[in-house]
C-alpha atoms as a PDB file:
ATOM      1  CA  MET A   1      -7.189   5.965  13.414  1.00  0.00           C
ATOM      2  CA  PHE A   2      -3.788   4.598  14.488  1.00  0.00           C
ATOM      3  CA  GLU A   3      -1.229   6.064  16.854  1.00  0.00           C
ATOM      4  CA  LEU A   4       2.097   4.759  18.100  1.00  0.00           C
ATOM      5  CA  LYS A   5       3.644   6.418  21.132  1.00  0.00           C
ATOM      6  CA  GLY A   6       7.308   5.669  21.785  1.00  0.00           C
ATOM      7  CA  VAL A   7       6.983   2.112  20.473  1.00  0.00           C
ATOM      8  CA  ALA A   8      10.067  -0.139  20.507  1.00  0.00           C
ATOM      9  CA  LYS A   9      10.440  -3.752  19.380  1.00  0.00           C
ATOM     10  CA  SER A  10      13.305  -6.250  19.403  1.00  0.00           C
ATOM     11  CA  PHE A  11      13.623  -9.892  18.362  1.00  0.00           C
ATOM     12  CA  ALA A  12      16.277 -12.217  19.828  1.00  0.00           C
ATOM     13  CA  GLY A  13      18.203  -9.245  21.119  1.00  0.00           C
ATOM     14  CA  LYS A  14      18.161  -7.408  17.777  1.00  0.00           C
ATOM     15  CA  THR A  15      16.392  -4.043  17.789  1.00  0.00           C
ATOM     16  CA  VAL A  16      13.992  -3.666  14.866  1.00  0.00           C
ATOM     17  CA  LEU A  17      12.208  -0.507  16.026  1.00  0.00           C
ATOM     18  CA  PRO A  18      14.339   1.540  18.453  1.00  0.00           C
ATOM     19  CA  GLU A  19      11.583   4.003  19.395  1.00  0.00           C
ATOM     20  CA  LEU A  20       8.893   5.204  17.057  1.00  0.00           C
ATOM     21  CA  SER A  21       5.974   7.616  17.327  1.00  0.00           C
ATOM     22  CA  LEU A  22       3.507   7.869  14.465  1.00  0.00           C
ATOM     23  CA  THR A  23      -0.061   9.003  13.768  1.00  0.00           C
ATOM     24  CA  LEU A  24      -2.115   7.741  10.821  1.00  0.00           C
ATOM     25  CA  GLU A  25      -5.193   9.751   9.930  1.00  0.00           C
ATOM     26  CA  ARG A  26      -8.675   8.327   9.454  1.00  0.00           C
ATOM     27  CA  GLY A  27      -9.828   7.794   5.868  1.00  0.00           C
ATOM     28  CA  ARG A  28      -6.380   8.098   4.270  1.00  0.00           C
ATOM     29  CA  THR A  29      -4.013   5.582   2.694  1.00  0.00           C
ATOM     30  CA  ALA A  30      -0.505   5.364   4.147  1.00  0.00           C
ATOM     31  CA  ALA A  31       2.213   3.373   2.378  1.00  0.00           C
ATOM     32  CA  LEU A  32       5.108   2.013   4.442  1.00  0.00           C
ATOM     33  CA  ILE A  33       8.187   1.690   2.240  1.00  0.00           C
ATOM     34  CA  GLY A  34      11.856   0.950   2.688  1.00  0.00           C
ATOM     35  CA  PRO A  35      14.508  -1.736   2.125  1.00  0.00           C
ATOM     36  CA  SER A  36      14.237  -5.271   3.480  1.00  0.00           C
ATOM     37  CA  GLY A  37      14.711  -5.386   7.237  1.00  0.00           C
ATOM     38  CA  CYS A  38      13.801  -1.730   7.806  1.00  0.00           C
ATOM     39  CA  GLY A  39      10.913  -2.628  10.149  1.00  0.00           C
ATOM     40  CA  LYS A  40       7.873  -1.926   7.978  1.00  0.00           C
ATOM     41  CA  SER A  41       6.259  -5.368   8.350  1.00  0.00           C
ATOM     42  CA  THR A  42       6.991  -5.340  12.091  1.00  0.00           C
ATOM     43  CA  LEU A  43       5.303  -1.953  12.292  1.00  0.00           C
ATOM     44  CA  LEU A  44       2.247  -3.292  10.461  1.00  0.00           C
ATOM     45  CA  ARG A  45       1.983  -6.270  12.821  1.00  0.00           C
ATOM     46  CA  LEU A  46       2.166  -3.943  15.800  1.00  0.00           C
ATOM     47  CA  LEU A  47      -0.677  -1.866  14.365  1.00  0.00           C
ATOM     48  CA  VAL A  48      -2.919  -4.901  13.906  1.00  0.00           C
ATOM     49  CA  GLY A  49      -2.028  -6.323  17.311  1.00  0.00           C
ATOM     50  CA  LEU A  50      -0.359  -9.520  16.110  1.00  0.00           C
ATOM     51  CA  ILE A  51       2.698  -8.727  18.232  1.00  0.00           C
ATOM     52  CA  PRO A  52       2.947  -6.511  21.330  1.00  0.00           C
ATOM     53  CA  PRO A  53       5.494  -3.703  21.682  1.00  0.00           C
ATOM     54  CA  ASP A  54       8.362  -4.116  24.134  1.00  0.00           C
ATOM     55  CA  ARG A  55       7.847  -0.517  25.148  1.00  0.00           C
ATOM     56  CA  GLY A  56       5.327   2.214  24.335  1.00  0.00           C
ATOM     57  CA  ASP A  57       1.658   2.174  23.327  1.00  0.00           C
ATOM     58  CA  VAL A  58      -0.262   1.271  20.171  1.00  0.00           C
ATOM     59  CA  LEU A  59      -3.700   2.912  19.898  1.00  0.00           C
ATOM     60  CA  PHE A  60      -6.514   2.094  17.498  1.00  0.00           C
ATOM     61  CA  ASP A  61      -9.305   4.642  17.183  1.00  0.00           C
ATOM     62  CA  GLY A  62      -8.161   6.182  20.472  1.00  0.00           C
ATOM     63  CA  THR A  63      -8.060   2.895  22.412  1.00  0.00           C
ATOM     64  CA  PRO A  64      -4.744   1.310  23.509  1.00  0.00           C
ATOM     65  CA  LEU A  65      -4.297  -2.282  22.325  1.00  0.00           C
ATOM     66  CA  THR A  66      -3.997  -4.632  25.298  1.00  0.00           C
ATOM     67  CA  PRO A  67      -4.111  -8.420  25.705  1.00  0.00           C
ATOM     68  CA  ASN A  68      -7.656  -8.025  27.014  1.00  0.00           C
ATOM     69  CA  ASN A  69      -9.112  -6.123  24.071  1.00  0.00           C
ATOM     70  CA  VAL A  70      -6.888  -6.945  21.093  1.00  0.00           C
ATOM     71  CA  THR A  71      -9.133  -9.732  19.755  1.00  0.00           C
ATOM     72  CA  VAL A  72     -12.218  -7.511  19.772  1.00  0.00           C
ATOM     73  CA  LEU A  73     -10.394  -4.529  18.246  1.00  0.00           C
ATOM     74  CA  ARG A  74      -8.784  -6.682  15.568  1.00  0.00           C
ATOM     75  CA  ARG A  75     -12.260  -7.501  14.252  1.00  0.00           C
ATOM     76  CA  ARG A  76     -12.433  -3.827  13.258  1.00  0.00           C
ATOM     77  CA  MET A  77      -9.309  -4.225  11.115  1.00  0.00           C
ATOM     78  CA  GLY A  78      -9.024  -6.180   7.883  1.00  0.00           C
ATOM     79  CA  PHE A  79      -5.633  -7.804   7.302  1.00  0.00           C
ATOM     80  CA  VAL A  80      -4.269  -9.082   3.975  1.00  0.00           C
ATOM     81  CA  LEU A  81      -1.075 -11.151   3.710  1.00  0.00           C
ATOM     82  CA  GLN A  82       1.275 -11.399   0.731  1.00  0.00           C
ATOM     83  CA  ASP A  83       0.128 -14.903  -0.204  1.00  0.00           C
ATOM     84  CA  GLY A  84      -3.467 -14.312   0.866  1.00  0.00           C
ATOM     85  CA  GLY A  85      -3.224 -16.636   3.874  1.00  0.00           C
ATOM     86  CA  LEU A  86      -6.264 -18.625   2.760  1.00  0.00           C
ATOM     87  CA  PHE A  87      -7.113 -21.993   4.322  1.00  0.00           C
ATOM     88  CA  PRO A  88      -6.480 -24.565   1.553  1.00  0.00           C
ATOM     89  CA  HIS A  89      -9.147 -26.988   2.810  1.00  0.00           C
ATOM     90  CA  LEU A  90     -11.948 -24.399   2.627  1.00  0.00           C
ATOM     91  CA  THR A  91     -13.621 -23.052  -0.498  1.00  0.00           C
ATOM     92  CA  ALA A  92     -13.219 -19.376  -1.297  1.00  0.00           C
ATOM     93  CA  ARG A  93     -16.747 -18.729   0.000  1.00  0.00           C
ATOM     94  CA  ARG A  94     -16.038 -20.429   3.313  1.00  0.00           C
ATOM     95  CA  ASN A  95     -12.699 -18.637   3.661  1.00  0.00           C
ATOM     96  CA  VAL A  96     -14.419 -15.279   3.289  1.00  0.00           C
ATOM     97  CA  GLY A  97     -17.270 -16.098   5.679  1.00  0.00           C
ATOM     98  CA  LEU A  98     -15.283 -17.980   8.321  1.00  0.00           C
ATOM     99  CA  LEU A  99     -15.083 -15.247  10.975  1.00  0.00           C
ATOM    100  CA  ALA A 100     -18.682 -14.158  10.413  1.00  0.00           C
ATOM    101  CA  ALA A 101     -19.789 -17.768  10.964  1.00  0.00           C
ATOM    102  CA  HIS A 102     -17.683 -17.925  14.130  1.00  0.00           C
ATOM    103  CA  LEU A 103     -19.435 -14.770  15.357  1.00  0.00           C
ATOM    104  CA  GLY A 104     -22.841 -16.351  14.812  1.00  0.00           C
ATOM    105  CA  TRP A 105     -24.039 -14.740  11.586  1.00  0.00           C
ATOM    106  CA  GLU A 106     -26.866 -16.607   9.877  1.00  0.00           C
ATOM    107  CA  ARG A 107     -25.880 -18.445   6.701  1.00  0.00           C
ATOM    108  CA  VAL A 108     -28.197 -16.401   4.496  1.00  0.00           C
ATOM    109  CA  LYS A 109     -26.601 -13.174   5.747  1.00  0.00           C
ATOM    110  CA  ILE A 110     -23.106 -14.561   5.207  1.00  0.00           C
ATOM    111  CA  ASP A 111     -23.883 -15.681   1.664  1.00  0.00           C
ATOM    112  CA  ALA A 112     -25.451 -12.333   0.789  1.00  0.00           C
ATOM    113  CA  ARG A 113     -22.393 -10.453   2.080  1.00  0.00           C
ATOM    114  CA  VAL A 114     -19.977 -12.782   0.256  1.00  0.00           C
ATOM    115  CA  ASP A 115     -21.874 -12.307  -3.004  1.00  0.00           C
ATOM    116  CA  GLU A 116     -21.841  -8.536  -2.490  1.00  0.00           C
ATOM    117  CA  LEU A 117     -18.072  -8.565  -1.956  1.00  0.00           C
ATOM    118  CA  ALA A 118     -17.528 -10.794  -4.990  1.00  0.00           C
ATOM    119  CA  ASP A 119     -19.245  -8.148  -7.106  1.00  0.00           C
ATOM    120  CA  LEU A 120     -17.234  -5.388  -5.436  1.00  0.00           C
ATOM    121  CA  THR A 121     -13.883  -7.098  -6.063  1.00  0.00           C
ATOM    122  CA  ARG A 122     -14.906  -8.453  -9.485  1.00  0.00           C
ATOM    123  CA  LEU A 123     -14.371 -12.067  -8.468  1.00  0.00           C
ATOM    124  CA  PRO A 124     -16.312 -14.481 -10.720  1.00  0.00           C
ATOM    125  CA  ARG A 125     -19.074 -16.165  -8.720  1.00  0.00           C
ATOM    126  CA  VAL A 126     -17.923 -19.579  -9.933  1.00  0.00           C
ATOM    127  CA  ALA A 127     -14.584 -19.056  -8.125  1.00  0.00           C
ATOM    128  CA  LEU A 128     -16.408 -18.834  -4.787  1.00  0.00           C
ATOM    129  CA  GLU A 129     -17.100 -22.559  -4.793  1.00  0.00           C
ATOM    130  CA  ARG A 130     -13.507 -23.540  -5.597  1.00  0.00           C
ATOM    131  CA  TYR A 131     -10.595 -24.211  -3.270  1.00  0.00           C
ATOM    132  CA  PRO A 132      -7.646 -21.770  -3.178  1.00  0.00           C
ATOM    133  CA  GLY A 133      -5.424 -24.208  -5.088  1.00  0.00           C
ATOM    134  CA  LYS A 134      -7.921 -24.226  -7.964  1.00  0.00           C
ATOM    135  CA  ILE A 135      -8.045 -20.458  -8.588  1.00  0.00           C
ATOM    136  CA  SER A 136      -5.426 -18.046  -9.903  1.00  0.00           C
ATOM    137  CA  GLY A 137      -3.063 -15.957  -7.761  1.00  0.00           C
ATOM    138  CA  GLY A 138      -4.961 -12.793  -8.593  1.00  0.00           C
ATOM    139  CA  GLN A 139      -8.247 -14.419  -7.631  1.00  0.00           C
ATOM    140  CA  ARG A 140      -6.746 -15.629  -4.345  1.00  0.00           C
ATOM    141  CA  GLN A 141      -5.794 -12.058  -3.493  1.00  0.00           C
ATOM    142  CA  ARG A 142      -9.312 -10.890  -4.335  1.00  0.00           C
ATOM    143  CA  VAL A 143     -10.663 -13.549  -1.962  1.00  0.00           C
ATOM    144  CA  ALA A 144      -8.206 -12.382   0.714  1.00  0.00           C
ATOM    145  CA  MET A 145      -9.443  -8.814   0.243  1.00  0.00           C
ATOM    146  CA  MET A 146     -13.043  -9.991   0.496  1.00  0.00           C
ATOM    147  CA  ARG A 147     -12.236 -11.739   3.771  1.00  0.00           C
ATOM    148  CA  ALA A 148     -10.620  -8.545   5.089  1.00  0.00           C
ATOM    149  CA  LEU A 149     -13.745  -6.564   4.153  1.00  0.00           C
ATOM    150  CA  MET A 150     -16.291  -9.138   5.387  1.00  0.00           C
ATOM    151  CA  LEU A 151     -17.111  -7.411   8.685  1.00  0.00           C
ATOM    152  CA  ASP A 152     -16.902  -3.947   7.053  1.00  0.00           C
ATOM    153  CA  PRO A 153     -13.988  -2.791   9.243  1.00  0.00           C
ATOM    154  CA  PRO A 154     -12.979   0.888   9.191  1.00  0.00           C
ATOM    155  CA  ALA A 155      -9.302  -0.009   8.625  1.00  0.00           C
ATOM    156  CA  ILE A 156      -7.530  -2.317   6.162  1.00  0.00           C
ATOM    157  CA  LEU A 157      -3.871  -3.329   6.554  1.00  0.00           C
ATOM    158  CA  LEU A 158      -1.982  -5.048   3.737  1.00  0.00           C
ATOM    159  CA  ASP A 159       1.473  -6.642   3.865  1.00  0.00           C
ATOM    160  CA  GLU A 160       3.000  -6.823   0.349  1.00  0.00           C
ATOM    161  CA  PRO A 161      -0.384  -7.951  -1.022  1.00  0.00           C
ATOM    162  CA  MET A 162       0.706  -8.081  -4.680  1.00  0.00           C
ATOM    163  CA  GLY A 163       4.389  -8.948  -4.384  1.00  0.00           C
ATOM    164  CA  ALA A 164       3.993 -12.457  -5.819  1.00  0.00           C
ATOM    165  CA  LEU A 165       1.773 -11.562  -8.793  1.00  0.00           C
ATOM    166  CA  ASP A 166       2.879 -11.110 -12.385  1.00  0.00           C
ATOM    167  CA  PRO A 167       2.890  -7.504 -13.689  1.00  0.00           C
ATOM    168  CA  LEU A 168      -0.354  -7.630 -15.700  1.00  0.00           C
ATOM    169  CA  VAL A 169      -2.389  -9.251 -12.900  1.00  0.00           C
ATOM    170  CA  ARG A 170      -0.784  -6.873 -10.413  1.00  0.00           C
ATOM    171  CA  PHE A 171      -1.734  -3.830 -12.517  1.00  0.00           C
ATOM    172  CA  GLU A 172      -5.369  -4.899 -12.782  1.00  0.00           C
ATOM    173  CA  LEU A 173      -5.636  -5.670  -9.068  1.00  0.00           C
ATOM    174  CA  GLN A 174      -4.009  -2.357  -8.120  1.00  0.00           C
ATOM    175  CA  GLU A 175      -6.586  -0.466 -10.163  1.00  0.00           C
ATOM    176  CA  ASP A 176      -9.481  -2.348  -8.583  1.00  0.00           C
ATOM    177  CA  LEU A 177      -8.209  -2.060  -5.007  1.00  0.00           C
ATOM    178  CA  ARG A 178      -7.582   1.666  -5.218  1.00  0.00           C
ATOM    179  CA  GLY A 179     -11.122   2.152  -6.489  1.00  0.00           C
ATOM    180  CA  ILE A 180     -12.492   0.040  -3.622  1.00  0.00           C
ATOM    181  CA  PHE A 181     -10.531   1.961  -0.979  1.00  0.00           C
ATOM    182  CA  GLN A 182     -11.688   5.308  -2.331  1.00  0.00           C
ATOM    183  CA  ARG A 183     -15.310   4.216  -2.679  1.00  0.00           C
ATOM    184  CA  LEU A 184     -15.538   2.749   0.831  1.00  0.00           C
ATOM    185  CA  ASN A 185     -13.527   5.535   2.512  1.00  0.00           C
ATOM    186  CA  LYS A 186     -11.366   3.105   4.486  1.00  0.00           C
ATOM    187  CA  THR A 187      -8.246   3.888   6.470  1.00  0.00           C
ATOM    188  CA  VAL A 188      -5.585   1.864   4.645  1.00  0.00           C
ATOM    189  CA  VAL A 189      -2.018   0.964   5.593  1.00  0.00           C
ATOM    190  CA  ILE A 190      -0.036  -0.887   2.936  1.00  0.00           C
ATOM    191  CA  VAL A 191       3.496  -2.283   3.125  1.00  0.00           C
ATOM    192  CA  THR A 192       5.345  -2.463  -0.184  1.00  0.00           C
ATOM    193  CA  HIS A 193       8.895  -2.536  -1.566  1.00  0.00           C
ATOM    194  CA  ASP A 194       7.637  -0.917  -4.766  1.00  0.00           C
ATOM    195  CA  LEU A 195       7.798   2.878  -4.685  1.00  0.00           C
ATOM    196  CA  GLY A 196       5.602   3.177  -7.768  1.00  0.00           C
ATOM    197  CA  GLU A 197       2.936   1.067  -6.074  1.00  0.00           C
ATOM    198  CA  ALA A 198       3.253   3.131  -2.903  1.00  0.00           C
ATOM    199  CA  ALA A 199       2.730   6.343  -4.874  1.00  0.00           C
ATOM    200  CA  PHE A 200      -0.230   4.814  -6.737  1.00  0.00           C
ATOM    201  CA  PHE A 201      -2.032   3.902  -3.508  1.00  0.00           C
ATOM    202  CA  GLY A 202      -0.714   6.276  -0.900  1.00  0.00           C
ATOM    203  CA  ASP A 203      -1.807   9.748   0.110  1.00  0.00           C
ATOM    204  CA  ASP A 204       1.020   9.500   2.625  1.00  0.00           C
ATOM    205  CA  LEU A 205       4.368   7.791   1.939  1.00  0.00           C
ATOM    206  CA  ILE A 206       6.472   6.812   4.968  1.00  0.00           C
ATOM    207  CA  LEU A 207      10.068   5.772   4.249  1.00  0.00           C
ATOM    208  CA  LEU A 208      11.762   3.689   6.950  1.00  0.00           C
ATOM    209  CA  LYS A 209      15.414   2.875   7.544  1.00  0.00           C
ATOM    210  CA  ASP A 210      16.649   0.817  10.510  1.00  0.00           C
ATOM    211  CA  GLY A 211      13.294   1.208  12.251  1.00  0.00           C
ATOM    212  CA  ALA A 212      13.217   5.009  11.995  1.00  0.00           C
ATOM    213  CA  ILE A 213      11.175   7.304   9.743  1.00  0.00           C
ATOM    214  CA  VAL A 214      13.580   8.984   7.314  1.00  0.00           C
ATOM    215  CA  GLN A 215      10.959  10.956   5.390  1.00  0.00           C
ATOM    216  CA  ARG A 216       7.207  11.253   5.169  1.00  0.00           C
ATOM    217  CA  GLY A 217       5.159  12.993   2.479  1.00  0.00           C
ATOM    218  CA  THR A 218       4.054  12.751  -1.151  1.00  0.00           C
ATOM    219  CA  MET A 219       6.087  11.341  -4.018  1.00  0.00           C
ATOM    220  CA  ARG A 220       6.696  14.842  -5.351  1.00  0.00           C
ATOM    221  CA  GLU A 221       8.023  15.960  -1.971  1.00  0.00           C
ATOM    222  CA  PHE A 222      10.386  12.974  -1.959  1.00  0.00           C
ATOM    223  CA  TYR A 223      11.713  14.014  -5.371  1.00  0.00           C
ATOM    224  CA  GLU A 224      11.886  17.753  -4.835  1.00  0.00           C
ATOM    225  CA  ARG A 225      12.897  17.856  -1.162  1.00  0.00           C
ATOM    226  CA  PRO A 226      14.663  14.597  -0.197  1.00  0.00           C
ATOM    227  CA  ALA A 227      15.488  14.553   3.512  1.00  0.00           C
ATOM    228  CA  ASP A 228      18.965  13.086   2.986  1.00  0.00           C
ATOM    229  CA  GLU A 229      21.166  11.062   0.648  1.00  0.00           C
ATOM    230  CA  PHE A 230      19.439   7.788   1.562  1.00  0.00           C
ATOM    231  CA  VAL A 231      16.126   9.091   0.207  1.00  0.00           C
ATOM    232  CA  THR A 232      17.778  10.062  -3.072  1.00  0.00           C
ATOM    233  CA  ARG A 233      19.483   6.674  -3.392  1.00  0.00           C
ATOM    234  CA  PHE A 234      16.225   4.869  -2.644  1.00  0.00           C
ATOM    235  CA  LEU A 235      14.467   6.857  -5.383  1.00  0.00           C
ATOM    236  CA  LEU A 236      17.205   6.289  -7.940  1.00  0.00           C
ATOM    237  CA  ALA A 237      17.294   2.559  -7.206  1.00  0.00           C
ATOM    238  CA  GLN A 238      13.638   2.192  -8.250  1.00  0.00           C
ATOM    239  CA  ARG A 239      13.265   4.935 -10.878  1.00  0.00           C
ATOM    240  CA  PRO A 240       9.521   5.428 -10.422  1.00  0.00           C
ATOM    241  CA  PRO A 241       7.880   8.015 -12.691  1.00  0.00           C
ATOM    242  CA  LEU A 242       7.493  11.496 -11.276  1.00  0.00           C
ATOM    243  CA  PRO A 243       3.797  12.158 -10.610  1.00  0.00           C
ATOM    244  CA  PRO A 244       2.161  15.053 -12.491  1.00  0.00           C
END
């Protein structure tokens, strides 16, 4: 679904990704993990076409992202930010249906799809008519997920989507999102600092350091066959439970 070929990216003369090649398979969930500043959020923004690479190619479903096609291709990707990124002056319903309305969907079709997604994400219908500032943090993230799913894209990308939530809300939302991803058979890429969360969501864990992939695999492979001392230190720093 996604492929990076020799991609490099720098900001203000500082190299964030020196040169990276990566393939992400269709229908699987990949979790990008690593310490702050390792390049995982930059990598996610390259995948969704929010920033261009300085060098190399980013492909989505076999097609290279270019300035001419990135807007069209991005409509086939749902994107969820840490704080939801909702427009505060629009109700939850209007936030979810905004792009569909821009694309010319009829109001009845938009409302039907929004109601369907509210049921899918277990968002109370009453919350749809409220503004983002009048609903809880967990509900805002459910609305953000609904917006990402509105056009039924084959891929969903999430940048620390639950980092600001309290543990109990985060646990409930994690359970619901994993069920949604599995049911809809989406290709998912999630950025997280939390190794336990990465293992909960990810079929494929990708650990980054200084813009390079240090190790890729399952949580058990990280524990039993760490690629180097950095992997071991990263595991010990978080102490996630060993999966069965």
